[in-house]
Amino acid sequence: MGYFERALIAAIIIGAGAGLVGSLVVVRRRTFFAQALTHGTYPGAVAAAALGVSVPAGAAVASVVLVAVMAGIARVRRQGAQVAAGIVLTGGFAAGALLQALIPGLPVRAESLLMGSILTVSDGDILLAACVGIVAVVCISLFGKEIAFSTFDPHGFRAAGYREWPIELLVLGLTAASVVSSLPAVGAILAIALIAAPAAAARLMVRSFRGLLFAAPVIGAAAGVLGVISSRMFEIAAGPAIALAATAFFLLALGISKLRALPLNRVSIPVETAEDARIA
């Protein structure tokens, strides 16, 4: 299998998995958390590259630490999840940049860590993304009703005797896994586009949660394929091309939703006709 065919397969698997998990991220309003996680795993990726181990493995370790740190900050009085995510986003990314500057002769270029390199993904990277996607499908199949109940009616969910923290932990864990599996393809900066944009686009086009879970992976996979093909046709970096394709799908869906809202079917009655009707 050539590098281009491998990149296409990786784009389909990673895009579909990111779109599926992104559906949960968007409806539960955890986009900023996902963005903080993508940037915060940067030092873990740098450390893994310096040690000669798998970059996703280093990012996975960093993501576990970051989730624990954000959970701790969010519990501090007068703080919250948004504050925790903001601190982790800036602090983690700054730590990664500093670590990269302090380690001479890093075997991986900064660009590949920040923006990914889907044309050089390995079979292990594809297998990791496939496993994450399968786990996400299984978890949503088993706990989809609880996730929807907790998301759209949190007060009723708690009143029914359910605990919210297991669902939140499940969603955060799937988000972290999706971020880690997306790093080889789109890097630390652009992973948020592949996670959030397809789901946001699908949400504008479908009206049900179940429809969102089907549409978002399709859009994510399509964005990945279009990005890879565009990178070859126009000789541009594949990571930014994938992110731009995902953004284009969102803009297209936004435009279609605006067109649907236009009062095209409204019938205007001429003034003369209205007068005649009143006289009659």
C-alpha atoms as a PDB file:
ATOM      1  CA  MET A   1       0.000   0.000   0.000  1.00  0.00           C
ATOM      2  CA  GLY A   2       1.376   3.402  -0.990  1.00  0.00           C
ATOM      3  CA  TYR A   3       1.599   6.413   1.280  1.00  0.00           C
ATOM      4  CA  PHE A   4      -1.311   8.163  -0.448  1.00  0.00           C
ATOM      5  CA  GLU A   5      -3.688   5.216  -0.083  1.00  0.00           C
ATOM      6  CA  ARG A   6      -2.653   4.855   3.559  1.00  0.00           C
ATOM      7  CA  ALA A   7      -3.339   8.555   4.085  1.00  0.00           C
ATOM      8  CA  LEU A   8      -6.824   8.195   2.590  1.00  0.00           C
ATOM      9  CA  ILE A   9      -7.640   5.267   4.875  1.00  0.00           C
ATOM     10  CA  ALA A  10      -6.319   7.205   7.855  1.00  0.00           C
ATOM     11  CA  ALA A  11      -8.387  10.244   6.857  1.00  0.00           C
ATOM     12  CA  ILE A  12     -11.586   8.186   6.711  1.00  0.00           C
ATOM     13  CA  ILE A  13     -11.004   6.419  10.035  1.00  0.00           C
ATOM     14  CA  ILE A  14      -9.724   9.447  11.955  1.00  0.00           C
ATOM     15  CA  GLY A  15     -12.312  11.797  10.446  1.00  0.00           C
ATOM     16  CA  ALA A  16     -15.219   9.483  11.195  1.00  0.00           C
ATOM     17  CA  GLY A  17     -14.071   8.840  14.761  1.00  0.00           C
ATOM     18  CA  ALA A  18     -13.439  12.514  15.455  1.00  0.00           C
ATOM     19  CA  GLY A  19     -16.839  13.418  14.019  1.00  0.00           C
ATOM     20  CA  LEU A  20     -18.608  10.869  16.202  1.00  0.00           C
ATOM     21  CA  VAL A  21     -16.917  11.999  19.403  1.00  0.00           C
ATOM     22  CA  GLY A  22     -17.287  15.604  18.285  1.00  0.00           C
ATOM     23  CA  SER A  23     -21.064  15.123  18.342  1.00  0.00           C
ATOM     24  CA  LEU A  24     -20.876  14.610  22.097  1.00  0.00           C
ATOM     25  CA  VAL A  25     -18.444  17.494  22.482  1.00  0.00           C
ATOM     26  CA  VAL A  26     -20.722  19.920  20.622  1.00  0.00           C
ATOM     27  CA  VAL A  27     -24.054  19.006  22.204  1.00  0.00           C
ATOM     28  CA  ARG A  28     -22.534  18.990  25.698  1.00  0.00           C
ATOM     29  CA  ARG A  29     -20.729  22.294  25.033  1.00  0.00           C
ATOM     30  CA  ARG A  30     -17.262  20.960  25.725  1.00  0.00           C
ATOM     31  CA  THR A  31     -15.597  22.476  22.660  1.00  0.00           C
ATOM     32  CA  PHE A  32     -13.349  24.742  24.709  1.00  0.00           C
ATOM     33  CA  PHE A  33     -12.316  21.783  26.825  1.00  0.00           C
ATOM     34  CA  ALA A  34     -11.413  19.838  23.686  1.00  0.00           C
ATOM     35  CA  GLN A  35      -9.419  22.785  22.388  1.00  0.00           C
ATOM     36  CA  ALA A  36      -7.531  23.061  25.668  1.00  0.00           C
ATOM     37  CA  LEU A  37      -6.814  19.351  25.534  1.00  0.00           C
ATOM     38  CA  THR A  38      -5.435  19.519  21.983  1.00  0.00           C
ATOM     39  CA  HIS A  39      -3.018  22.289  22.933  1.00  0.00           C
ATOM     40  CA  GLY A  40      -2.238  20.912  26.376  1.00  0.00           C
ATOM     41  CA  THR A  41      -1.038  17.548  25.050  1.00  0.00           C
ATOM     42  CA  TYR A  42       1.720  19.312  23.110  1.00  0.00           C
ATOM     43  CA  PRO A  43       4.375  18.914  25.861  1.00  0.00           C
ATOM     44  CA  GLY A  44       3.580  15.203  26.115  1.00  0.00           C
ATOM     45  CA  ALA A  45       4.071  14.824  22.374  1.00  0.00           C
ATOM     46  CA  VAL A  46       7.397  16.703  22.535  1.00  0.00           C
ATOM     47  CA  ALA A  47       8.623  14.597  25.451  1.00  0.00           C
ATOM     48  CA  ALA A  48       7.660  11.377  23.659  1.00  0.00           C
ATOM     49  CA  ALA A  49       9.504  12.468  20.513  1.00  0.00           C
ATOM     50  CA  ALA A  50      12.588  13.305  22.578  1.00  0.00           C
ATOM     51  CA  LEU A  51      12.522   9.918  24.291  1.00  0.00           C
ATOM     52  CA  GLY A  52      12.007   8.083  21.013  1.00  0.00           C
ATOM     53  CA  VAL A  53       8.641   6.601  21.960  1.00  0.00           C
ATOM     54  CA  SER A  54       5.277   6.897  20.249  1.00  0.00           C
ATOM     55  CA  VAL A  55       3.994  10.470  20.075  1.00  0.00           C
ATOM     56  CA  PRO A  56       0.355   9.416  20.711  1.00  0.00           C
ATOM     57  CA  ALA A  57       1.538   7.537  23.808  1.00  0.00           C
ATOM     58  CA  GLY A  58       3.125  10.687  25.198  1.00  0.00           C
ATOM     59  CA  ALA A  59       0.047  12.708  24.329  1.00  0.00           C
ATOM     60  CA  ALA A  60      -2.150  10.099  26.043  1.00  0.00           C
ATOM     61  CA  VAL A  61      -0.173  10.374  29.278  1.00  0.00           C
ATOM     62  CA  ALA A  62      -0.373  14.156  29.082  1.00  0.00           C
ATOM     63  CA  SER A  63      -4.129  14.040  28.464  1.00  0.00           C
ATOM     64  CA  VAL A  64      -4.707  11.959  31.604  1.00  0.00           C
ATOM     65  CA  VAL A  65      -2.725  14.482  33.645  1.00  0.00           C
ATOM     66  CA  LEU A  66      -4.569  17.391  32.051  1.00  0.00           C
ATOM     67  CA  VAL A  67      -8.002  15.945  32.747  1.00  0.00           C
ATOM     68  CA  ALA A  68      -7.027  15.486  36.403  1.00  0.00           C
ATOM     69  CA  VAL A  69      -5.631  19.038  36.608  1.00  0.00           C
ATOM     70  CA  MET A  70      -8.719  20.575  35.004  1.00  0.00           C
ATOM     71  CA  ALA A  71     -11.007  18.593  37.276  1.00  0.00           C
ATOM     72  CA  GLY A  72      -9.042  19.830  40.296  1.00  0.00           C
ATOM     73  CA  ILE A  73      -9.095  23.482  39.208  1.00  0.00           C
ATOM     74  CA  ALA A  74     -12.799  23.307  38.392  1.00  0.00           C
ATOM     75  CA  ARG A  75     -13.528  22.250  41.979  1.00  0.00           C
ATOM     76  CA  VAL A  76     -11.749  25.268  43.453  1.00  0.00           C
ATOM     77  CA  ARG A  77     -14.131  27.859  44.845  1.00  0.00           C
ATOM     78  CA  ARG A  78     -14.978  30.684  42.435  1.00  0.00           C
ATOM     79  CA  GLN A  79     -13.346  28.823  39.601  1.00  0.00           C
ATOM     80  CA  GLY A  80     -14.937  26.646  36.958  1.00  0.00           C
ATOM     81  CA  ALA A  81     -14.468  24.424  33.955  1.00  0.00           C
ATOM     82  CA  GLN A  82     -13.905  27.343  31.571  1.00  0.00           C
ATOM     83  CA  VAL A  83     -11.194  28.824  33.804  1.00  0.00           C
ATOM     84  CA  ALA A  84      -9.532  25.432  34.139  1.00  0.00           C
ATOM     85  CA  ALA A  85      -9.587  24.865  30.382  1.00  0.00           C
ATOM     86  CA  GLY A  86      -8.116  28.309  29.699  1.00  0.00           C
ATOM     87  CA  ILE A  87      -5.266  27.776  32.146  1.00  0.00           C
ATOM     88  CA  VAL A  88      -4.449  24.358  30.741  1.00  0.00           C
ATOM     89  CA  LEU A  89      -4.629  25.590  27.138  1.00  0.00           C
ATOM     90  CA  THR A  90      -2.131  28.413  27.559  1.00  0.00           C
ATOM     91  CA  GLY A  91       0.057  26.753  30.174  1.00  0.00           C
ATOM     92  CA  GLY A  92       0.286  23.428  28.376  1.00  0.00           C
ATOM     93  CA  PHE A  93       1.065  24.916  25.003  1.00  0.00           C
ATOM     94  CA  ALA A  94       3.679  27.233  26.503  1.00  0.00           C
ATOM     95  CA  ALA A  95       5.282  24.298  28.322  1.00  0.00           C
ATOM     96  CA  GLY A  96       5.472  22.345  25.084  1.00  0.00           C
ATOM     97  CA  ALA A  97       7.102  25.250  23.226  1.00  0.00           C
ATOM     98  CA  LEU A  98       9.618  25.740  26.034  1.00  0.00           C
ATOM     99  CA  LEU A  99      10.396  22.040  26.218  1.00  0.00           C
ATOM    100  CA  GLN A 100      10.975  21.878  22.489  1.00  0.00           C
ATOM    101  CA  ALA A 101      13.346  24.859  22.675  1.00  0.00           C
ATOM    102  CA  LEU A 102      15.323  23.233  25.502  1.00  0.00           C
ATOM    103  CA  ILE A 103      15.774  19.893  23.709  1.00  0.00           C
ATOM    104  CA  PRO A 104      18.299  20.213  20.884  1.00  0.00           C
ATOM    105  CA  GLY A 105      18.130  17.933  17.876  1.00  0.00           C
ATOM    106  CA  LEU A 106      14.553  16.817  18.361  1.00  0.00           C
ATOM    107  CA  PRO A 107      13.955  13.977  15.855  1.00  0.00           C
ATOM    108  CA  VAL A 108      10.474  15.302  14.969  1.00  0.00           C
ATOM    109  CA  ARG A 109       9.912  18.723  13.445  1.00  0.00           C
ATOM    110  CA  ALA A 110       7.722  21.183  15.289  1.00  0.00           C
ATOM    111  CA  GLU A 111       5.430  21.507  12.290  1.00  0.00           C
ATOM    112  CA  SER A 112       4.543  17.820  12.342  1.00  0.00           C
ATOM    113  CA  LEU A 113       3.642  18.008  16.037  1.00  0.00           C
ATOM    114  CA  LEU A 114       1.587  21.172  15.656  1.00  0.00           C
ATOM    115  CA  MET A 115      -0.115  20.535  12.302  1.00  0.00           C
ATOM    116  CA  GLY A 116       0.314  16.789  11.825  1.00  0.00           C
ATOM    117  CA  SER A 117       1.507  14.792   8.847  1.00  0.00           C
ATOM    118  CA  ILE A 118      -1.142  12.376   7.649  1.00  0.00           C
ATOM    119  CA  LEU A 119       0.991  11.403   4.657  1.00  0.00           C
ATOM    120  CA  THR A 120       3.477   9.767   7.039  1.00  0.00           C
ATOM    121  CA  VAL A 121       1.078   8.023   9.426  1.00  0.00           C
ATOM    122  CA  SER A 122       1.986   4.482  10.353  1.00  0.00           C
ATOM    123  CA  ASP A 123      -0.158   1.373  10.511  1.00  0.00           C
ATOM    124  CA  GLY A 124      -0.041   1.719  14.285  1.00  0.00           C
ATOM    125  CA  ASP A 125      -1.527   5.220  14.083  1.00  0.00           C
ATOM    126  CA  ILE A 126      -4.363   3.930  11.909  1.00  0.00           C
ATOM    127  CA  LEU A 127      -4.957   0.983  14.249  1.00  0.00           C
ATOM    128  CA  LEU A 128      -5.085   3.351  17.240  1.00  0.00           C
ATOM    129  CA  ALA A 129      -7.656   5.568  15.517  1.00  0.00           C
ATOM    130  CA  ALA A 130      -9.724   2.534  14.550  1.00  0.00           C
ATOM    131  CA  CYS A 131      -9.697   1.243  18.130  1.00  0.00           C
ATOM    132  CA  VAL A 132     -10.767   4.629  19.463  1.00  0.00           C
ATOM    133  CA  GLY A 133     -13.596   4.744  16.940  1.00  0.00           C
ATOM    134  CA  ILE A 134     -14.778   1.247  17.852  1.00  0.00           C
ATOM    135  CA  VAL A 135     -14.695   2.063  21.560  1.00  0.00           C
ATOM    136  CA  ALA A 136     -16.686   5.249  20.906  1.00  0.00           C
ATOM    137  CA  VAL A 137     -19.315   3.322  18.933  1.00  0.00           C
ATOM    138  CA  VAL A 138     -19.616   0.681  21.657  1.00  0.00           C
ATOM    139  CA  CYS A 139     -19.879   3.264  24.452  1.00  0.00           C
ATOM    140  CA  ILE A 140     -22.509   5.293  22.616  1.00  0.00           C
ATOM    141  CA  SER A 141     -24.453   2.130  21.788  1.00  0.00           C
ATOM    142  CA  LEU A 142     -24.462   1.063  25.437  1.00  0.00           C
ATOM    143  CA  PHE A 143     -24.930   4.445  27.122  1.00  0.00           C
ATOM    144  CA  GLY A 144     -26.449   6.577  24.364  1.00  0.00           C
ATOM    145  CA  LYS A 145     -29.776   7.019  26.153  1.00  0.00           C
ATOM    146  CA  GLU A 146     -28.071   8.058  29.381  1.00  0.00           C
ATOM    147  CA  ILE A 147     -25.793  10.475  27.502  1.00  0.00           C
ATOM    148  CA  ALA A 148     -28.777  12.070  25.743  1.00  0.00           C
ATOM    149  CA  PHE A 149     -30.798  12.244  28.971  1.00  0.00           C
ATOM    150  CA  SER A 150     -27.904  13.849  30.858  1.00  0.00           C
ATOM    151  CA  THR A 151     -27.185  16.279  28.012  1.00  0.00           C
ATOM    152  CA  PHE A 152     -30.668  17.574  27.208  1.00  0.00           C
ATOM    153  CA  ASP A 153     -32.318  17.300  30.625  1.00  0.00           C
ATOM    154  CA  PRO A 154     -29.632  17.407  33.334  1.00  0.00           C
ATOM    155  CA  HIS A 155     -32.082  18.312  36.114  1.00  0.00           C
ATOM    156  CA  GLY A 156     -34.388  15.439  35.208  1.00  0.00           C
ATOM    157  CA  PHE A 157     -31.364  13.141  34.930  1.00  0.00           C
ATOM    158  CA  ARG A 158     -30.338  13.931  38.501  1.00  0.00           C
ATOM    159  CA  ALA A 159     -33.927  13.802  39.748  1.00  0.00           C
ATOM    160  CA  ALA A 160     -34.256  10.307  38.297  1.00  0.00           C
ATOM    161  CA  GLY A 161     -31.476   9.161  40.607  1.00  0.00           C
ATOM    162  CA  TYR A 162     -28.638   9.024  38.084  1.00  0.00           C
ATOM    163  CA  ARG A 163     -25.166  10.290  38.827  1.00  0.00           C
ATOM    164  CA  GLU A 164     -23.847  12.744  36.291  1.00  0.00           C
ATOM    165  CA  TRP A 165     -20.108  12.335  36.879  1.00  0.00           C
ATOM    166  CA  PRO A 166     -19.796   8.865  35.212  1.00  0.00           C
ATOM    167  CA  ILE A 167     -21.334  10.242  31.996  1.00  0.00           C
ATOM    168  CA  GLU A 168     -19.144  13.319  32.124  1.00  0.00           C
ATOM    169  CA  LEU A 169     -16.067  11.189  32.724  1.00  0.00           C
ATOM    170  CA  LEU A 170     -17.021   8.929  29.808  1.00  0.00           C
ATOM    171  CA  VAL A 171     -17.397  11.887  27.437  1.00  0.00           C
ATOM    172  CA  LEU A 172     -14.146  13.475  28.613  1.00  0.00           C
ATOM    173  CA  GLY A 173     -12.330  10.173  28.193  1.00  0.00           C
ATOM    174  CA  LEU A 174     -13.634   9.717  24.653  1.00  0.00           C
ATOM    175  CA  THR A 175     -12.671  13.308  23.857  1.00  0.00           C
ATOM    176  CA  ALA A 176      -9.141  12.779  25.128  1.00  0.00           C
ATOM    177  CA  ALA A 177      -8.823   9.538  23.160  1.00  0.00           C
ATOM    178  CA  SER A 178     -10.064  11.236  19.998  1.00  0.00           C
ATOM    179  CA  VAL A 179      -7.596  14.092  20.446  1.00  0.00           C
ATOM    180  CA  VAL A 180      -4.702  11.674  20.903  1.00  0.00           C
ATOM    181  CA  SER A 181      -5.643   9.570  17.873  1.00  0.00           C
ATOM    182  CA  SER A 182      -6.012  12.712  15.717  1.00  0.00           C
ATOM    183  CA  LEU A 183      -2.568  14.132  16.529  1.00  0.00           C
ATOM    184  CA  PRO A 184      -0.588  12.199  13.873  1.00  0.00           C
ATOM    185  CA  ALA A 185      -2.963  13.416  11.162  1.00  0.00           C
ATOM    186  CA  VAL A 186      -3.706  17.035  12.036  1.00  0.00           C
ATOM    187  CA  GLY A 187      -1.425  17.877  14.959  1.00  0.00           C
ATOM    188  CA  ALA A 188      -1.974  19.632  18.270  1.00  0.00           C
ATOM    189  CA  ILE A 189      -3.370  22.867  16.833  1.00  0.00           C
ATOM    190  CA  LEU A 190      -5.730  21.618  14.125  1.00  0.00           C
ATOM    191  CA  ALA A 191      -7.273  18.608  15.900  1.00  0.00           C
ATOM    192  CA  ILE A 192     -10.072  20.771  17.295  1.00  0.00           C
ATOM    193  CA  ALA A 193     -11.249  21.567  13.743  1.00  0.00           C
ATOM    194  CA  LEU A 194     -11.705  17.883  12.898  1.00  0.00           C
ATOM    195  CA  ILE A 195     -13.525  17.273  16.179  1.00  0.00           C
ATOM    196  CA  ALA A 196     -15.829  20.289  16.335  1.00  0.00           C
ATOM    197  CA  ALA A 197     -16.496  21.433  12.757  1.00  0.00           C
ATOM    198  CA  PRO A 198     -18.104  18.239  11.325  1.00  0.00           C
ATOM    199  CA  ALA A 199     -20.378  17.897  14.348  1.00  0.00           C
ATOM    200  CA  ALA A 200     -21.305  21.591  14.231  1.00  0.00           C
ATOM    201  CA  ALA A 201     -22.102  21.266  10.525  1.00  0.00           C
ATOM    202  CA  ALA A 202     -24.204  18.151  11.088  1.00  0.00           C
ATOM    203  CA  ARG A 203     -26.109  19.852  13.889  1.00  0.00           C
ATOM    204  CA  LEU A 204     -27.231  22.545  11.445  1.00  0.00           C
ATOM    205  CA  MET A 205     -28.515  19.932   8.995  1.00  0.00           C
ATOM    206  CA  VAL A 206     -30.245  17.322  11.172  1.00  0.00           C
ATOM    207  CA  ARG A 207     -32.791  17.731  13.936  1.00  0.00           C
ATOM    208  CA  SER A 208     -32.290  14.639  16.084  1.00  0.00           C
ATOM    209  CA  PHE A 209     -29.466  13.440  18.290  1.00  0.00           C
ATOM    210  CA  ARG A 210     -29.448  10.091  16.512  1.00  0.00           C
ATOM    211  CA  GLY A 211     -29.196  11.830  13.144  1.00  0.00           C
ATOM    212  CA  LEU A 212     -26.290  13.863  14.457  1.00  0.00           C
ATOM    213  CA  LEU A 213     -24.445  10.709  15.467  1.00  0.00           C
ATOM    214  CA  PHE A 214     -24.755   9.402  11.905  1.00  0.00           C
ATOM    215  CA  ALA A 215     -24.148  12.633   9.975  1.00  0.00           C
ATOM    216  CA  ALA A 216     -21.107  13.950  11.858  1.00  0.00           C
ATOM    217  CA  PRO A 217     -18.850  10.918  11.158  1.00  0.00           C
ATOM    218  CA  VAL A 218     -19.768  11.059   7.468  1.00  0.00           C
ATOM    219  CA  ILE A 219     -18.853  14.746   7.281  1.00  0.00           C
ATOM    220  CA  GLY A 220     -15.645  14.133   9.234  1.00  0.00           C
ATOM    221  CA  ALA A 221     -14.573  11.344   6.903  1.00  0.00           C
ATOM    222  CA  ALA A 222     -15.452  13.437   3.845  1.00  0.00           C
ATOM    223  CA  ALA A 223     -13.433  16.373   5.190  1.00  0.00           C
ATOM    224  CA  GLY A 224     -10.447  14.097   5.730  1.00  0.00           C
ATOM    225  CA  VAL A 225     -10.609  12.660   2.212  1.00  0.00           C
ATOM    226  CA  LEU A 226     -11.077  16.067   0.575  1.00  0.00           C
ATOM    227  CA  GLY A 227      -8.188  17.470   2.594  1.00  0.00           C
ATOM    228  CA  VAL A 228      -5.826  14.680   1.547  1.00  0.00           C
ATOM    229  CA  ILE A 229      -6.837  14.955  -2.114  1.00  0.00           C
ATOM    230  CA  SER A 230      -6.496  18.754  -2.031  1.00  0.00           C
ATOM    231  CA  SER A 231      -3.056  18.503  -0.460  1.00  0.00           C
ATOM    232  CA  ARG A 232      -1.925  16.371  -3.377  1.00  0.00           C
ATOM    233  CA  MET A 233      -3.594  18.448  -6.075  1.00  0.00           C
ATOM    234  CA  PHE A 234      -2.429  21.848  -4.832  1.00  0.00           C
ATOM    235  CA  GLU A 235       0.788  20.697  -3.116  1.00  0.00           C
ATOM    236  CA  ILE A 236      -0.140  22.047   0.292  1.00  0.00           C
ATOM    237  CA  ALA A 237       0.160  20.615   3.800  1.00  0.00           C
ATOM    238  CA  ALA A 238      -2.431  17.928   4.449  1.00  0.00           C
ATOM    239  CA  GLY A 239      -3.248  18.932   8.057  1.00  0.00           C
ATOM    240  CA  PRO A 240      -4.337  22.492   7.245  1.00  0.00           C
ATOM    241  CA  ALA A 241      -6.137  21.233   4.130  1.00  0.00           C
ATOM    242  CA  ILE A 242      -8.205  18.813   6.252  1.00  0.00           C
ATOM    243  CA  ALA A 243      -9.005  21.542   8.769  1.00  0.00           C
ATOM    244  CA  LEU A 244     -10.064  23.898   5.979  1.00  0.00           C
ATOM    245  CA  ALA A 245     -12.241  21.206   4.416  1.00  0.00           C
ATOM    246  CA  ALA A 246     -13.993  20.639   7.751  1.00  0.00           C
ATOM    247  CA  THR A 247     -14.483  24.396   8.128  1.00  0.00           C
ATOM    248  CA  ALA A 248     -15.869  24.588   4.580  1.00  0.00           C
ATOM    249  CA  PHE A 249     -18.455  21.928   5.410  1.00  0.00           C
ATOM    250  CA  PHE A 250     -19.545  23.978   8.426  1.00  0.00           C
ATOM    251  CA  LEU A 251     -19.822  27.180   6.373  1.00  0.00           C
ATOM    252  CA  LEU A 252     -21.798  25.318   3.703  1.00  0.00           C
ATOM    253  CA  ALA A 253     -24.181  23.913   6.299  1.00  0.00           C
ATOM    254  CA  LEU A 254     -24.535  27.359   7.864  1.00  0.00           C
ATOM    255  CA  GLY A 255     -25.376  28.871   4.489  1.00  0.00           C
ATOM    256  CA  ILE A 256     -27.963  26.183   3.744  1.00  0.00           C
ATOM    257  CA  SER A 257     -29.576  26.652   7.159  1.00  0.00           C
ATOM    258  CA  LYS A 258     -29.826  30.409   6.553  1.00  0.00           C
ATOM    259  CA  LEU A 259     -31.426  29.825   3.163  1.00  0.00           C
ATOM    260  CA  ARG A 260     -33.964  27.496   4.746  1.00  0.00           C
ATOM    261  CA  ALA A 261     -34.926  30.248   7.181  1.00  0.00           C
ATOM    262  CA  LEU A 262     -35.703  32.772   4.445  1.00  0.00           C
ATOM    263  CA  PRO A 263     -39.454  33.526   4.045  1.00  0.00           C
ATOM    264  CA  LEU A 264     -39.502  32.339   0.436  1.00  0.00           C
ATOM    265  CA  ASN A 265     -42.967  30.881   0.700  1.00  0.00           C
ATOM    266  CA  ARG A 266     -44.587  33.969   2.141  1.00  0.00           C
ATOM    267  CA  VAL A 267     -47.329  35.272  -0.174  1.00  0.00           C
ATOM    268  CA  SER A 268     -47.701  39.034  -0.421  1.00  0.00           C
ATOM    269  CA  ILE A 269     -51.207  40.346  -1.167  1.00  0.00           C
ATOM    270  CA  PRO A 270     -51.428  43.503  -3.303  1.00  0.00           C
ATOM    271  CA  VAL A 271     -52.963  46.529  -1.594  1.00  0.00           C
ATOM    272  CA  GLU A 272     -55.734  46.738  -4.180  1.00  0.00           C
ATOM    273  CA  THR A 273     -56.749  43.128  -3.609  1.00  0.00           C
ATOM    274  CA  ALA A 274     -56.870  43.619   0.159  1.00  0.00           C
ATOM    275  CA  GLU A 275     -59.043  46.747  -0.282  1.00  0.00           C
ATOM    276  CA  ASP A 276     -61.388  44.913  -2.597  1.00  0.00           C
ATOM    277  CA  ALA A 277     -61.702  42.082  -0.104  1.00  0.00           C
ATOM    278  CA  ARG A 278     -62.632  44.466   2.704  1.00  0.00           C
ATOM    279  CA  ILE A 279     -65.207  46.206   0.520  1.00  0.00           C
ATOM    280  CA  ALA A 280     -66.744  42.910  -0.494  1.00  0.00           C
END
